[in-house]
Amino acid sequence: MEHILNLLKNALDKGGSDIFIIPGSPVVVKVGGKMSPLTQDRLTPAAAAELIGHIYSLAQRNMDALEANGDDDFSFSVVDMSRFRCNAYRQRGTLAATCRVVTFGLPDAARMHIPKQVVDLADLRSGMVLVTGPAGSGKSTTLACLVDKINLSRSGHIVTIEDPIEYLHSHRKSLVSQREVPEDAPTFPLALRAALRQAPDVIMLGEMRDTETIRTAISAAETGHLLLSSLHTIGASKTIDRVIDAFPAEQQHQIRMQLSMVLRAVVSQRLLPGKDGGLVPVFEVMISTPAVQNLIREGRTHQLDNVIAGGQVAGMLSMNKELDRLVREGLITKETAAMYADQSDTAMHRR
């Protein structure tokens, strides 16, 4: 047990974001997007299994889900150290795990470089806000910042549904109920349907994973709640298509109509390698305007990028323009901007 605690502490001392326990490799921590070994020796399968067993002991959790399903998501805390989000899994017949560092306390939007256009979405009173991006891009952090602003600024009941719970929210101006799947509710759809009977003002759904969850989330947004959630997509148009394509063809027209009415914004974010090391977030924000609603209804989602790039609506942020800004401010290189740009002929490439 002392060994795993020392490894976790060393990872935090290095400023690490993720710890990897994989047989055949040393224990490795990711620092600023780069891998750094925490141990000299490569882990044997038995040594990896022992470390993972200690993690389960810290979490006070049995390994039944891991043994039954081949992978398991959970979180745990170490006093005076940090919280960790862990995914344990089987690979090549051995046990492995990845632990994401989740510091105690809530993230500060300004320190995390989350722009005002994103934070201001917490002022919405109803409808659906989707935060999107690849795994590890900071979606959970952005959602936590939105929930925290709501909690600090207005009275109501906030219900979060997560797998696992990452950030702990205290009762401030609002009451906050945090439910973890599967410990507090067996599935996301069941927890979401139950939330509608818990007099919520705001529902934060950690991720929309399947058709039933998406359908219930749209219904919740239709009934006057503010629903915040995330998807593993990149860009507004791909996000809309992902939601629509989750349904059978005969239902897609109706879903387009519903989504066009309830969607308030899509935030897309990525973490980029910074010019001086570390990671720098970049954001795109699409605000639902009458023009955007019309494009969703008519299935012309490929034209949404043009609406965002036009920059004619307050609150909109273009990914390419934000990349250009980060280059001008010296936070990322032109090469990094070119790698992540949506188009090859943007202004940043001509500079």
Foldseek 3Di string as FASTA:
>chain_A
DVVLVVLLQVLVVLVFFKWKQDAPAATWTQHLNDIDHPDDDGHHLVRSVVSVVVVCVQQVHDCVCCVVPQKAWDKGDDPPGFIWTKIWGDDPRGIIMMIGTQGADADDCVVQVPDPLLLCVLVDQFFEEEEEAAPPFCSVNSLRSSVQVNQAPAEWEEEEEEAADRYDDDRHNYHYHYHYDPVRPPDLLVVLVVVVVVRGREYEYAAQDALSNLVSQLVRRVVRHYYYYYYHDADDLVVLVVNLVRDPPVCSLVVLLSNLVRHAKYKYKGWFAWPVGHTHMFIFMDGRDPVNSVCSNVVVSVCSLVVLVVPPDPSGDHRLVRLLVCCVVRTHPLVRSCVPDPDNPDPSNVD
